[in-house]
Amino acid sequence: MRCLAGKYAPKSVYPSNNASNRLATTRSHGNVARGPSGTARILSEVCYDANVELRSFFDRAVRASFRDLALHDDAAAGYLADLLTRFARTEQLFPRGITGQRLETVVDLLLETQALWQDAGFAPEREISMRRHIGDYTLFMLGVFRERVERMASSGFYVTQGTRAYRFVSEHDRASSRPVRPAGGPLFGRLADCFEGYARALDYTRRVHFASGPSLPFLV
């Protein structure tokens, strides 16, 4: 997975002092020169530091918005912060389908769900994962890129598909011994019931609490 880098990396997530010291120490001992394993280990630690700091920023921003809007749902706030952190990576926002092509629209995702049923190696967990992604993608797009959605598609279509996807995952988690996440049934049920409200909360977070945040494509 590609680490945040270049202009899309938050200023605060470039290698921390500790990470920089680890890299310098590794170079001085020749570990990097011996092969890729030393480099890979250090880079993975740097990326981990970056992800932790990014998750912390989103968590503060989302929870501040929930307080501003008098929303009282710690689990939902944490989920939205996780969602923003995951989707800071292009490969998470636009995953590859079974053909290897990027899935970049809601229609792509819906067609992928149908294709999974026709795949010889079909596994129910893949459908659950895809339906959860449909919910996450539509919520993210309506919350962070609402104007773009309204220009290029119907926001009502996003709401319908996102609500339907989260409802599907909620019912699965309530009945399954292997839920998507602990207590996922009630959480995904609330995301379905209050889909538009959480989308507006993300929009508010972007407009009000992202101003002093890291330099990412959707933090503008």
N, C-alpha and C. Protein backbone atom coordinates (compact mmCIF):
# COMPACT_ATOMS: atom_id res chain seq x y z
N MET A 1 0.84 -1.19 0.00
CA MET A 1 0.00 0.00 0.00
C MET A 1 0.87 1.25 0.00
N ARG A 2 0.44 2.22 -0.77
CA ARG A 2 1.23 3.44 -0.93
C ARG A 2 1.07 4.33 0.29
N CYS A 3 2.22 4.80 0.80
CA CYS A 3 2.19 5.71 1.94
C CYS A 3 1.90 7.11 1.46
N LEU A 4 1.28 7.93 2.30
CA LEU A 4 1.05 9.33 1.98
C LEU A 4 2.38 10.01 1.69
N ALA A 5 2.44 10.73 0.61
CA ALA A 5 3.70 11.38 0.26
C ALA A 5 3.44 12.60 -0.59
N GLY A 6 4.49 13.42 -0.77
CA GLY A 6 4.39 14.58 -1.64
C GLY A 6 3.36 15.58 -1.18
N LYS A 7 2.72 16.24 -2.15
CA LYS A 7 1.79 17.32 -1.80
C LYS A 7 0.55 16.80 -1.11
N TYR A 8 0.27 15.49 -1.20
CA TYR A 8 -0.90 14.93 -0.56
C TYR A 8 -0.62 14.48 0.87
N ALA A 9 0.58 14.68 1.34
CA ALA A 9 0.90 14.27 2.70
C ALA A 9 0.72 15.43 3.65
N PRO A 10 0.07 15.21 4.81
CA PRO A 10 -0.05 16.25 5.81
C PRO A 10 1.34 16.70 6.25
N LYS A 11 1.50 17.98 6.48
CA LYS A 11 2.81 18.49 6.92
C LYS A 11 3.28 17.76 8.17
N SER A 12 2.35 17.43 9.06
CA SER A 12 2.72 16.84 10.33
C SER A 12 3.05 15.36 10.24
N VAL A 13 2.86 14.73 9.07
CA VAL A 13 3.10 13.30 9.00
C VAL A 13 4.34 12.93 8.21
N TYR A 14 5.18 13.88 7.87
CA TYR A 14 6.50 13.52 7.40
C TYR A 14 7.24 12.87 8.57
N PRO A 15 8.27 12.11 8.29
CA PRO A 15 8.91 11.34 9.35
C PRO A 15 9.12 12.15 10.63
N SER A 16 8.62 11.60 11.72
CA SER A 16 8.82 12.26 13.01
C SER A 16 10.29 12.15 13.40
N ASN A 17 10.68 12.85 14.47
CA ASN A 17 12.06 12.78 14.91
C ASN A 17 12.47 11.35 15.19
N ASN A 18 11.57 10.60 15.84
CA ASN A 18 11.90 9.21 16.15
C ASN A 18 12.10 8.40 14.89
N ALA A 19 11.17 8.61 13.92
CA ALA A 19 11.28 7.85 12.68
C ALA A 19 12.54 8.25 11.92
N SER A 20 12.85 9.56 11.90
CA SER A 20 14.05 10.02 11.21
C SER A 20 15.30 9.43 11.85
N ASN A 21 15.30 9.39 13.19
CA ASN A 21 16.44 8.82 13.90
C ASN A 21 16.60 7.34 13.57
N ARG A 22 15.45 6.63 13.48
CA ARG A 22 15.53 5.21 13.14
C ARG A 22 16.13 5.02 11.76
N LEU A 23 15.71 5.89 10.81
CA LEU A 23 16.23 5.78 9.45
C LEU A 23 17.72 6.08 9.41
N ALA A 24 18.14 7.14 10.13
CA ALA A 24 19.55 7.50 10.16
C ALA A 24 20.38 6.38 10.78
N THR A 25 19.88 5.81 11.87
CA THR A 25 20.61 4.74 12.54
C THR A 25 20.75 3.53 11.63
N THR A 26 19.67 3.22 10.92
CA THR A 26 19.72 2.06 10.02
C THR A 26 20.76 2.27 8.93
N ARG A 27 20.79 3.50 8.37
CA ARG A 27 21.76 3.78 7.32
C ARG A 27 23.19 3.67 7.85
N SER A 28 23.39 4.20 9.06
CA SER A 28 24.75 4.20 9.61
C SER A 28 25.26 2.80 9.86
N HIS A 29 24.35 1.85 10.09
CA HIS A 29 24.76 0.47 10.34
C HIS A 29 24.76 -0.36 9.07
N GLY A 30 24.38 0.28 7.94
CA GLY A 30 24.46 -0.43 6.67
C GLY A 30 23.30 -1.36 6.39
N ASN A 31 22.25 -1.34 7.22
CA ASN A 31 21.15 -2.27 7.00
C ASN A 31 20.44 -2.01 5.68
N VAL A 32 20.27 -0.74 5.33
CA VAL A 32 19.58 -0.42 4.09
C VAL A 32 20.39 -0.91 2.90
N ALA A 33 21.68 -0.76 2.99
CA ALA A 33 22.52 -1.14 1.86
C ALA A 33 22.50 -2.63 1.61
N ARG A 34 22.21 -3.43 2.65
CA ARG A 34 22.25 -4.88 2.49
C ARG A 34 21.09 -5.41 1.67
N GLY A 35 20.00 -4.69 1.60
CA GLY A 35 18.84 -5.19 0.86
C GLY A 35 17.61 -4.39 1.18
N PRO A 36 16.47 -4.75 0.53
CA PRO A 36 15.25 -3.97 0.69
C PRO A 36 14.56 -4.15 2.03
N SER A 37 14.88 -5.20 2.76
CA SER A 37 14.13 -5.47 3.99
C SER A 37 14.29 -4.36 5.02
N GLY A 38 15.53 -3.84 5.17
CA GLY A 38 15.74 -2.76 6.12
C GLY A 38 14.98 -1.52 5.73
N THR A 39 15.01 -1.17 4.45
CA THR A 39 14.27 0.00 3.95
C THR A 39 12.78 -0.18 4.16
N ALA A 40 12.28 -1.36 3.81
CA ALA A 40 10.84 -1.62 3.93
C ALA A 40 10.38 -1.49 5.37
N ARG A 41 11.21 -1.99 6.30
CA ARG A 41 10.81 -1.91 7.71
C ARG A 41 10.73 -0.46 8.17
N ILE A 42 11.74 0.34 7.82
CA ILE A 42 11.74 1.74 8.24
C ILE A 42 10.58 2.50 7.60
N LEU A 43 10.36 2.26 6.29
CA LEU A 43 9.25 2.96 5.62
C LEU A 43 7.92 2.57 6.21
N SER A 44 7.77 1.30 6.61
CA SER A 44 6.50 0.88 7.20
C SER A 44 6.28 1.58 8.53
N GLU A 45 7.38 1.82 9.28
CA GLU A 45 7.25 2.53 10.55
C GLU A 45 6.88 3.99 10.31
N VAL A 46 7.48 4.62 9.29
CA VAL A 46 7.16 6.00 8.96
C VAL A 46 5.70 6.12 8.54
N CYS A 47 5.24 5.20 7.67
CA CYS A 47 3.84 5.22 7.24
C CYS A 47 2.90 5.00 8.41
N TYR A 48 3.31 4.14 9.35
CA TYR A 48 2.47 3.92 10.53
C TYR A 48 2.34 5.20 11.33
N ASP A 49 3.46 5.91 11.55
CA ASP A 49 3.42 7.18 12.26
C ASP A 49 2.49 8.16 11.55
N ALA A 50 2.58 8.22 10.22
CA ALA A 50 1.75 9.13 9.44
C ALA A 50 0.28 8.80 9.62
N ASN A 51 -0.05 7.52 9.54
CA ASN A 51 -1.45 7.12 9.64
C ASN A 51 -2.02 7.41 11.02
N VAL A 52 -1.22 7.19 12.06
CA VAL A 52 -1.68 7.45 13.42
C VAL A 52 -1.98 8.93 13.61
N GLU A 53 -1.10 9.81 13.12
CA GLU A 53 -1.32 11.24 13.28
C GLU A 53 -2.52 11.71 12.46
N LEU A 54 -2.70 11.16 11.26
CA LEU A 54 -3.84 11.52 10.43
C LEU A 54 -5.13 11.08 11.09
N ARG A 55 -5.15 9.86 11.64
CA ARG A 55 -6.34 9.36 12.33
C ARG A 55 -6.67 10.25 13.52
N SER A 56 -5.66 10.70 14.24
CA SER A 56 -5.87 11.57 15.40
C SER A 56 -6.50 12.90 14.98
N PHE A 57 -6.02 13.47 13.86
CA PHE A 57 -6.58 14.73 13.37
C PHE A 57 -8.06 14.56 13.02
N PHE A 58 -8.38 13.51 12.26
CA PHE A 58 -9.76 13.30 11.85
C PHE A 58 -10.66 13.03 13.06
N ASP A 59 -10.14 12.30 14.02
CA ASP A 59 -10.94 12.00 15.21
C ASP A 59 -11.29 13.29 15.95
N ARG A 60 -10.32 14.19 16.12
CA ARG A 60 -10.59 15.46 16.79
C ARG A 60 -11.59 16.29 16.00
N ALA A 61 -11.42 16.33 14.67
CA ALA A 61 -12.30 17.14 13.83
C ALA A 61 -13.73 16.63 13.85
N VAL A 62 -13.90 15.32 13.72
CA VAL A 62 -15.25 14.76 13.69
C VAL A 62 -15.93 14.92 15.05
N ARG A 63 -15.21 14.65 16.12
CA ARG A 63 -15.82 14.76 17.45
C ARG A 63 -16.15 16.22 17.78
N ALA A 64 -15.34 17.17 17.33
CA ALA A 64 -15.67 18.59 17.51
C ALA A 64 -16.96 18.93 16.77
N SER A 65 -17.12 18.38 15.57
CA SER A 65 -18.34 18.62 14.80
C SER A 65 -19.55 18.01 15.48
N PHE A 66 -19.40 16.82 16.02
CA PHE A 66 -20.51 16.18 16.72
C PHE A 66 -20.93 17.02 17.92
N ARG A 67 -19.95 17.60 18.63
CA ARG A 67 -20.30 18.47 19.77
C ARG A 67 -21.03 19.72 19.27
N ASP A 68 -20.53 20.31 18.19
CA ASP A 68 -21.16 21.51 17.64
C ASP A 68 -22.61 21.23 17.23
N LEU A 69 -22.84 20.05 16.67
CA LEU A 69 -24.15 19.72 16.12
C LEU A 69 -25.03 18.95 17.10
N ALA A 70 -24.55 18.80 18.34
CA ALA A 70 -25.30 18.08 19.39
C ALA A 70 -25.64 16.66 18.96
N LEU A 71 -24.67 16.00 18.33
CA LEU A 71 -24.83 14.59 17.96
C LEU A 71 -24.13 13.75 19.02
N HIS A 72 -24.83 12.78 19.55
CA HIS A 72 -24.29 12.00 20.67
C HIS A 72 -24.18 10.53 20.25
N ASP A 73 -23.09 10.20 19.55
CA ASP A 73 -22.87 8.82 19.11
C ASP A 73 -21.36 8.62 18.95
N ASP A 74 -20.71 8.20 20.02
CA ASP A 74 -19.26 8.01 19.99
C ASP A 74 -18.84 6.98 18.95
N ALA A 75 -19.62 5.90 18.82
CA ALA A 75 -19.26 4.86 17.87
C ALA A 75 -19.30 5.38 16.44
N ALA A 76 -20.33 6.16 16.12
CA ALA A 76 -20.44 6.72 14.77
C ALA A 76 -19.33 7.72 14.51
N ALA A 77 -18.99 8.54 15.50
CA ALA A 77 -17.91 9.51 15.34
C ALA A 77 -16.59 8.79 15.06
N GLY A 78 -16.31 7.74 15.79
CA GLY A 78 -15.11 6.97 15.56
C GLY A 78 -15.10 6.32 14.19
N TYR A 79 -16.26 5.84 13.75
CA TYR A 79 -16.34 5.20 12.44
C TYR A 79 -16.07 6.21 11.33
N LEU A 80 -16.62 7.42 11.45
CA LEU A 80 -16.40 8.44 10.44
C LEU A 80 -14.93 8.87 10.39
N ALA A 81 -14.29 8.94 11.55
CA ALA A 81 -12.86 9.27 11.58
C ALA A 81 -12.05 8.17 10.89
N ASP A 82 -12.41 6.92 11.13
CA ASP A 82 -11.73 5.80 10.46
C ASP A 82 -11.95 5.87 8.95
N LEU A 83 -13.19 6.19 8.55
CA LEU A 83 -13.52 6.28 7.13
C LEU A 83 -12.67 7.33 6.44
N LEU A 84 -12.57 8.51 7.04
CA LEU A 84 -11.76 9.59 6.45
C LEU A 84 -10.29 9.19 6.35
N THR A 85 -9.80 8.49 7.36
CA THR A 85 -8.41 8.06 7.35
C THR A 85 -8.17 7.04 6.24
N ARG A 86 -9.06 6.08 6.11
CA ARG A 86 -8.90 5.07 5.06
C ARG A 86 -8.95 5.70 3.68
N PHE A 87 -9.89 6.62 3.48
CA PHE A 87 -10.08 7.18 2.14
C PHE A 87 -9.08 8.28 1.80
N ALA A 88 -8.16 8.57 2.71
CA ALA A 88 -7.05 9.45 2.35
C ALA A 88 -6.12 8.74 1.37
N ARG A 89 -6.27 7.43 1.25
CA ARG A 89 -5.48 6.63 0.32
C ARG A 89 -6.33 6.31 -0.91
N THR A 90 -5.83 6.65 -2.07
CA THR A 90 -6.59 6.44 -3.30
C THR A 90 -6.98 4.99 -3.49
N GLU A 91 -6.09 4.07 -3.15
CA GLU A 91 -6.39 2.66 -3.37
C GLU A 91 -7.51 2.15 -2.46
N GLN A 92 -7.77 2.87 -1.37
CA GLN A 92 -8.88 2.52 -0.51
C GLN A 92 -10.20 3.11 -1.02
N LEU A 93 -10.13 4.33 -1.53
CA LEU A 93 -11.33 4.98 -2.05
C LEU A 93 -11.79 4.32 -3.34
N PHE A 94 -10.83 3.96 -4.20
CA PHE A 94 -11.14 3.34 -5.49
C PHE A 94 -10.48 1.97 -5.56
N PRO A 95 -11.07 0.96 -4.92
CA PRO A 95 -10.45 -0.37 -4.92
C PRO A 95 -10.53 -1.02 -6.30
N ARG A 96 -9.76 -2.07 -6.48
CA ARG A 96 -9.80 -2.81 -7.74
C ARG A 96 -10.84 -3.92 -7.66
N GLY A 97 -11.56 -4.11 -8.75
CA GLY A 97 -12.55 -5.16 -8.82
C GLY A 97 -11.93 -6.48 -9.22
N ILE A 98 -12.77 -7.47 -9.51
CA ILE A 98 -12.28 -8.80 -9.82
C ILE A 98 -11.54 -8.83 -11.16
N THR A 99 -11.76 -7.84 -12.02
CA THR A 99 -11.05 -7.76 -13.29
C THR A 99 -9.76 -6.96 -13.19
N GLY A 100 -9.53 -6.37 -12.02
CA GLY A 100 -8.33 -5.56 -11.83
C GLY A 100 -8.52 -4.09 -12.11
N GLN A 101 -9.70 -3.71 -12.59
CA GLN A 101 -9.98 -2.31 -12.88
C GLN A 101 -10.40 -1.56 -11.62
N ARG A 102 -10.06 -0.26 -11.57
CA ARG A 102 -10.48 0.57 -10.45
C ARG A 102 -11.99 0.76 -10.47
N LEU A 103 -12.61 0.71 -9.30
CA LEU A 103 -14.05 0.95 -9.16
C LEU A 103 -14.22 2.39 -8.67
N GLU A 104 -14.65 3.29 -9.57
CA GLU A 104 -14.61 4.72 -9.27
C GLU A 104 -15.98 5.38 -9.18
N THR A 105 -17.06 4.63 -9.40
CA THR A 105 -18.41 5.19 -9.30
C THR A 105 -19.31 4.23 -8.56
N VAL A 106 -20.46 4.74 -8.15
CA VAL A 106 -21.43 3.87 -7.48
C VAL A 106 -21.89 2.77 -8.43
N VAL A 107 -22.09 3.11 -9.69
CA VAL A 107 -22.50 2.10 -10.67
C VAL A 107 -21.44 1.01 -10.79
N ASP A 108 -20.18 1.40 -10.82
CA ASP A 108 -19.09 0.41 -10.85
C ASP A 108 -19.20 -0.55 -9.67
N LEU A 109 -19.46 0.01 -8.50
CA LEU A 109 -19.54 -0.81 -7.29
C LEU A 109 -20.74 -1.75 -7.32
N LEU A 110 -21.87 -1.26 -7.81
CA LEU A 110 -23.07 -2.10 -7.91
C LEU A 110 -22.86 -3.24 -8.91
N LEU A 111 -22.23 -2.93 -10.04
CA LEU A 111 -21.94 -3.96 -11.04
C LEU A 111 -20.95 -4.99 -10.48
N GLU A 112 -20.00 -4.52 -9.69
CA GLU A 112 -19.04 -5.43 -9.07
C GLU A 112 -19.74 -6.39 -8.12
N THR A 113 -20.72 -5.89 -7.37
CA THR A 113 -21.48 -6.75 -6.46
C THR A 113 -22.19 -7.86 -7.23
N GLN A 114 -22.77 -7.51 -8.37
CA GLN A 114 -23.41 -8.52 -9.20
C GLN A 114 -22.40 -9.51 -9.77
N ALA A 115 -21.23 -8.99 -10.18
CA ALA A 115 -20.20 -9.85 -10.76
C ALA A 115 -19.68 -10.85 -9.74
N LEU A 116 -19.66 -10.48 -8.48
CA LEU A 116 -19.16 -11.39 -7.45
C LEU A 116 -19.98 -12.67 -7.41
N TRP A 117 -21.29 -12.56 -7.64
CA TRP A 117 -22.15 -13.73 -7.61
C TRP A 117 -21.86 -14.67 -8.78
N GLN A 118 -21.33 -14.13 -9.86
CA GLN A 118 -21.04 -14.95 -11.03
C GLN A 118 -19.63 -15.51 -11.02
N ASP A 119 -18.84 -15.09 -10.05
CA ASP A 119 -17.46 -15.54 -9.95
C ASP A 119 -17.42 -16.94 -9.35
N ALA A 120 -16.60 -17.81 -9.95
CA ALA A 120 -16.52 -19.20 -9.48
C ALA A 120 -16.02 -19.28 -8.04
N GLY A 121 -15.23 -18.31 -7.64
CA GLY A 121 -14.70 -18.31 -6.27
C GLY A 121 -15.50 -17.45 -5.31
N PHE A 122 -16.81 -17.32 -5.57
CA PHE A 122 -17.64 -16.43 -4.75
C PHE A 122 -17.57 -16.79 -3.26
N ALA A 123 -17.42 -15.76 -2.44
CA ALA A 123 -17.46 -15.92 -0.98
C ALA A 123 -18.35 -14.81 -0.43
N PRO A 124 -19.29 -15.15 0.45
CA PRO A 124 -20.20 -14.14 1.00
C PRO A 124 -19.49 -12.95 1.62
N GLU A 125 -18.31 -13.19 2.21
CA GLU A 125 -17.59 -12.09 2.86
C GLU A 125 -17.22 -11.00 1.86
N ARG A 126 -16.98 -11.37 0.61
CA ARG A 126 -16.62 -10.38 -0.40
C ARG A 126 -17.83 -9.49 -0.71
N GLU A 127 -19.00 -10.07 -0.74
CA GLU A 127 -20.18 -9.24 -0.98
C GLU A 127 -20.42 -8.28 0.18
N ILE A 128 -20.26 -8.76 1.40
CA ILE A 128 -20.44 -7.90 2.56
C ILE A 128 -19.45 -6.74 2.52
N SER A 129 -18.19 -7.05 2.19
CA SER A 129 -17.17 -6.02 2.11
C SER A 129 -17.52 -4.99 1.04
N MET A 130 -18.03 -5.45 -0.11
CA MET A 130 -18.37 -4.53 -1.19
C MET A 130 -19.58 -3.67 -0.81
N ARG A 131 -20.54 -4.25 -0.16
CA ARG A 131 -21.72 -3.46 0.24
C ARG A 131 -21.35 -2.43 1.31
N ARG A 132 -20.48 -2.82 2.20
CA ARG A 132 -20.01 -1.84 3.19
C ARG A 132 -19.27 -0.69 2.48
N HIS A 133 -18.47 -1.04 1.48
CA HIS A 133 -17.75 0.00 0.75
C HIS A 133 -18.72 0.94 0.03
N ILE A 134 -19.80 0.40 -0.50
CA ILE A 134 -20.81 1.25 -1.15
C ILE A 134 -21.36 2.26 -0.15
N GLY A 135 -21.68 1.78 1.06
CA GLY A 135 -22.15 2.69 2.09
C GLY A 135 -21.11 3.74 2.44
N ASP A 136 -19.88 3.30 2.64
CA ASP A 136 -18.80 4.22 3.00
C ASP A 136 -18.54 5.24 1.88
N TYR A 137 -18.49 4.74 0.64
CA TYR A 137 -18.17 5.61 -0.50
C TYR A 137 -19.25 6.68 -0.69
N THR A 138 -20.51 6.28 -0.65
CA THR A 138 -21.58 7.25 -0.87
C THR A 138 -21.65 8.25 0.28
N LEU A 139 -21.43 7.80 1.50
CA LEU A 139 -21.42 8.72 2.64
C LEU A 139 -20.28 9.71 2.53
N PHE A 140 -19.09 9.21 2.18
CA PHE A 140 -17.92 10.06 2.03
C PHE A 140 -18.13 11.09 0.92
N MET A 141 -18.60 10.65 -0.23
CA MET A 141 -18.77 11.56 -1.35
C MET A 141 -19.82 12.63 -1.06
N LEU A 142 -20.93 12.24 -0.43
CA LEU A 142 -21.95 13.22 -0.09
C LEU A 142 -21.47 14.18 0.99
N GLY A 143 -20.62 13.69 1.89
CA GLY A 143 -20.15 14.54 2.97
C GLY A 143 -19.01 15.44 2.59
N VAL A 144 -18.12 14.96 1.72
CA VAL A 144 -16.90 15.71 1.42
C VAL A 144 -16.95 16.36 0.03
N PHE A 145 -17.65 15.72 -0.90
CA PHE A 145 -17.74 16.25 -2.27
C PHE A 145 -19.19 16.44 -2.69
N ARG A 146 -20.00 16.99 -1.81
CA ARG A 146 -21.43 17.11 -2.10
C ARG A 146 -21.68 17.89 -3.39
N GLU A 147 -20.97 19.00 -3.57
CA GLU A 147 -21.21 19.81 -4.77
C GLU A 147 -20.91 19.01 -6.03
N ARG A 148 -19.86 18.21 -6.01
CA ARG A 148 -19.51 17.39 -7.17
C ARG A 148 -20.59 16.36 -7.44
N VAL A 149 -21.08 15.73 -6.38
CA VAL A 149 -22.14 14.73 -6.54
C VAL A 149 -23.37 15.37 -7.16
N GLU A 150 -23.74 16.55 -6.67
CA GLU A 150 -24.94 17.20 -7.16
C GLU A 150 -24.78 17.67 -8.61
N ARG A 151 -23.54 17.95 -9.04
CA ARG A 151 -23.31 18.32 -10.43
C ARG A 151 -23.35 17.12 -11.36
N MET A 152 -22.83 15.99 -10.90
CA MET A 152 -22.63 14.85 -11.79
C MET A 152 -23.66 13.74 -11.62
N ALA A 153 -24.40 13.76 -10.55
CA ALA A 153 -25.36 12.68 -10.30
C ALA A 153 -26.47 13.21 -9.39
N SER A 154 -27.32 12.31 -9.00
CA SER A 154 -28.40 12.67 -8.09
C SER A 154 -27.99 12.34 -6.67
N SER A 155 -28.05 13.32 -5.79
CA SER A 155 -27.71 13.04 -4.39
C SER A 155 -28.70 12.02 -3.81
N GLY A 156 -29.94 12.05 -4.30
CA GLY A 156 -30.92 11.08 -3.84
C GLY A 156 -30.51 9.65 -4.16
N PHE A 157 -29.87 9.44 -5.30
CA PHE A 157 -29.39 8.12 -5.68
C PHE A 157 -28.31 7.66 -4.70
N TYR A 158 -27.42 8.56 -4.32
CA TYR A 158 -26.37 8.23 -3.35
C TYR A 158 -26.98 7.88 -2.00
N VAL A 159 -27.96 8.65 -1.58
CA VAL A 159 -28.61 8.39 -0.29
C VAL A 159 -29.29 7.02 -0.31
N THR A 160 -30.00 6.73 -1.40
CA THR A 160 -30.71 5.45 -1.50
C THR A 160 -29.74 4.28 -1.46
N GLN A 161 -28.69 4.36 -2.27
CA GLN A 161 -27.75 3.24 -2.34
C GLN A 161 -26.94 3.10 -1.05
N GLY A 162 -26.55 4.22 -0.46
CA GLY A 162 -25.79 4.16 0.79
C GLY A 162 -26.62 3.60 1.93
N THR A 163 -27.86 4.06 2.03
CA THR A 163 -28.76 3.56 3.08
C THR A 163 -29.01 2.08 2.91
N ARG A 164 -29.26 1.67 1.68
CA ARG A 164 -29.52 0.26 1.39
C ARG A 164 -28.30 -0.61 1.73
N ALA A 165 -27.12 -0.11 1.40
CA ALA A 165 -25.89 -0.89 1.66
C ALA A 165 -25.65 -1.05 3.15
N TYR A 166 -25.76 0.04 3.90
CA TYR A 166 -25.55 -0.05 5.35
C TYR A 166 -26.61 -0.93 6.00
N ARG A 167 -27.85 -0.88 5.51
CA ARG A 167 -28.90 -1.74 6.06
C ARG A 167 -28.55 -3.21 5.84
N PHE A 168 -28.04 -3.52 4.68
CA PHE A 168 -27.65 -4.89 4.37
C PHE A 168 -26.56 -5.37 5.33
N VAL A 169 -25.54 -4.54 5.54
CA VAL A 169 -24.43 -4.92 6.43
C VAL A 169 -24.92 -5.03 7.87
N SER A 170 -25.82 -4.14 8.26
CA SER A 170 -26.37 -4.19 9.62
C SER A 170 -27.09 -5.51 9.88
N GLU A 171 -27.92 -5.91 8.93
CA GLU A 171 -28.67 -7.16 9.10
C GLU A 171 -27.73 -8.36 9.11
N HIS A 172 -26.69 -8.30 8.30
CA HIS A 172 -25.69 -9.37 8.31
C HIS A 172 -25.02 -9.46 9.67
N ASP A 173 -24.58 -8.32 10.20
CA ASP A 173 -23.84 -8.33 11.47
C ASP A 173 -24.72 -8.77 12.63
N ARG A 174 -25.99 -8.44 12.59
CA ARG A 174 -26.90 -8.85 13.66
C ARG A 174 -27.07 -10.37 13.68
N ALA A 175 -26.99 -10.98 12.50
CA ALA A 175 -27.27 -12.42 12.41
C ALA A 175 -26.02 -13.28 12.37
N SER A 176 -24.86 -12.66 12.13
CA SER A 176 -23.65 -13.43 11.90
C SER A 176 -22.82 -13.63 13.17
N SER A 177 -22.15 -14.76 13.22
CA SER A 177 -21.19 -15.01 14.30
C SER A 177 -19.84 -14.39 13.97
N ARG A 178 -19.71 -13.87 12.73
CA ARG A 178 -18.48 -13.20 12.30
C ARG A 178 -18.84 -11.83 11.72
N PRO A 179 -19.23 -10.91 12.60
CA PRO A 179 -19.65 -9.58 12.12
C PRO A 179 -18.49 -8.80 11.51
N VAL A 180 -18.83 -7.78 10.73
CA VAL A 180 -17.82 -6.92 10.12
C VAL A 180 -16.99 -6.26 11.20
N ARG A 181 -17.64 -5.83 12.28
CA ARG A 181 -16.94 -5.24 13.42
C ARG A 181 -17.78 -5.47 14.66
N PRO A 182 -17.17 -5.47 15.86
CA PRO A 182 -17.94 -5.66 17.09
C PRO A 182 -19.06 -4.64 17.20
N ALA A 183 -20.23 -5.10 17.60
CA ALA A 183 -21.42 -4.24 17.73
C ALA A 183 -21.73 -3.55 16.40
N GLY A 184 -21.36 -4.19 15.30
CA GLY A 184 -21.57 -3.59 13.99
C GLY A 184 -23.03 -3.49 13.59
N GLY A 185 -23.84 -4.46 14.02
CA GLY A 185 -25.26 -4.43 13.65
C GLY A 185 -25.95 -3.12 14.02
N PRO A 186 -25.92 -2.74 15.30
CA PRO A 186 -26.54 -1.47 15.69
C PRO A 186 -25.89 -0.25 15.05
N LEU A 187 -24.55 -0.27 14.93
CA LEU A 187 -23.85 0.88 14.34
C LEU A 187 -24.25 1.08 12.89
N PHE A 188 -24.17 0.02 12.07
CA PHE A 188 -24.53 0.17 10.66
C PHE A 188 -26.02 0.47 10.51
N GLY A 189 -26.82 0.00 11.46
CA GLY A 189 -28.24 0.35 11.43
C GLY A 189 -28.45 1.85 11.63
N ARG A 190 -27.69 2.45 12.54
CA ARG A 190 -27.80 3.90 12.76
C ARG A 190 -27.27 4.68 11.55
N LEU A 191 -26.20 4.17 10.94
CA LEU A 191 -25.68 4.83 9.74
C LEU A 191 -26.72 4.80 8.63
N ALA A 192 -27.49 3.71 8.55
CA ALA A 192 -28.56 3.63 7.55
C ALA A 192 -29.71 4.57 7.90
N ASP A 193 -30.14 4.54 9.16
CA ASP A 193 -31.28 5.35 9.59
C ASP A 193 -31.00 6.85 9.47
N CYS A 194 -29.78 7.25 9.78
CA CYS A 194 -29.42 8.68 9.82
C CYS A 194 -28.39 9.03 8.75
N PHE A 195 -28.47 8.36 7.61
CA PHE A 195 -27.46 8.53 6.56
C PHE A 195 -27.27 9.99 6.17
N GLU A 196 -28.35 10.67 5.87
CA GLU A 196 -28.25 12.06 5.44
C GLU A 196 -27.71 12.96 6.54
N GLY A 197 -28.07 12.66 7.78
CA GLY A 197 -27.57 13.46 8.90
C GLY A 197 -26.07 13.32 9.07
N TYR A 198 -25.55 12.10 8.92
CA TYR A 198 -24.11 11.90 9.04
C TYR A 198 -23.37 12.49 7.84
N ALA A 199 -23.99 12.45 6.66
CA ALA A 199 -23.38 13.10 5.51
C ALA A 199 -23.26 14.61 5.74
N ARG A 200 -24.29 15.20 6.31
CA ARG A 200 -24.23 16.64 6.61
C ARG A 200 -23.19 16.92 7.68
N ALA A 201 -23.03 15.99 8.63
CA ALA A 201 -22.01 16.18 9.66
C ALA A 201 -20.61 16.15 9.05
N LEU A 202 -20.39 15.28 8.07
CA LEU A 202 -19.10 15.27 7.39
C LEU A 202 -18.89 16.55 6.60
N ASP A 203 -19.93 17.04 5.95
CA ASP A 203 -19.84 18.30 5.21
C ASP A 203 -19.48 19.44 6.16
N TYR A 204 -20.11 19.46 7.32
CA TYR A 204 -19.82 20.48 8.32
C TYR A 204 -18.36 20.36 8.80
N THR A 205 -17.92 19.13 9.03
CA THR A 205 -16.55 18.90 9.47
C THR A 205 -15.56 19.45 8.45
N ARG A 206 -15.80 19.18 7.18
CA ARG A 206 -14.91 19.68 6.13
C ARG A 206 -14.87 21.20 6.10
N ARG A 207 -16.04 21.83 6.19
CA ARG A 207 -16.10 23.29 6.06
C ARG A 207 -15.56 24.02 7.28
N VAL A 208 -15.77 23.45 8.46
CA VAL A 208 -15.46 24.17 9.70
C VAL A 208 -14.14 23.73 10.33
N HIS A 209 -13.87 22.44 10.32
CA HIS A 209 -12.73 21.93 11.11
C HIS A 209 -11.55 21.43 10.29
N PHE A 210 -11.62 21.50 8.96
CA PHE A 210 -10.49 21.06 8.15
C PHE A 210 -9.58 22.22 7.76
N ALA A 211 -9.96 23.45 8.08
CA ALA A 211 -9.21 24.60 7.62
C ALA A 211 -7.74 24.56 8.02
N SER A 212 -7.48 24.11 9.24
CA SER A 212 -6.09 24.08 9.72
C SER A 212 -5.50 22.69 9.66
N GLY A 213 -6.13 21.85 8.85
CA GLY A 213 -5.72 20.45 8.80
C GLY A 213 -4.62 20.18 7.79
N PRO A 214 -4.28 18.90 7.60
CA PRO A 214 -3.23 18.50 6.69
C PRO A 214 -3.62 18.77 5.24
N SER A 215 -2.61 18.79 4.38
CA SER A 215 -2.82 19.09 2.97
C SER A 215 -3.15 17.82 2.20
N LEU A 216 -4.44 17.51 2.13
CA LEU A 216 -4.91 16.36 1.39
C LEU A 216 -5.89 16.83 0.32
N PRO A 217 -6.13 16.03 -0.72
CA PRO A 217 -6.98 16.48 -1.81
C PRO A 217 -8.36 16.93 -1.39
N PHE A 218 -8.95 16.29 -0.33
CA PHE A 218 -10.30 16.67 0.02
C PHE A 218 -10.37 17.62 1.21
N LEU A 219 -9.22 18.10 1.68
CA LEU A 219 -9.22 19.05 2.79
C LEU A 219 -9.08 20.48 2.25
N VAL A 220 -10.02 20.85 1.39
CA VAL A 220 -9.97 22.18 0.78
C VAL A 220 -11.35 22.81 0.88
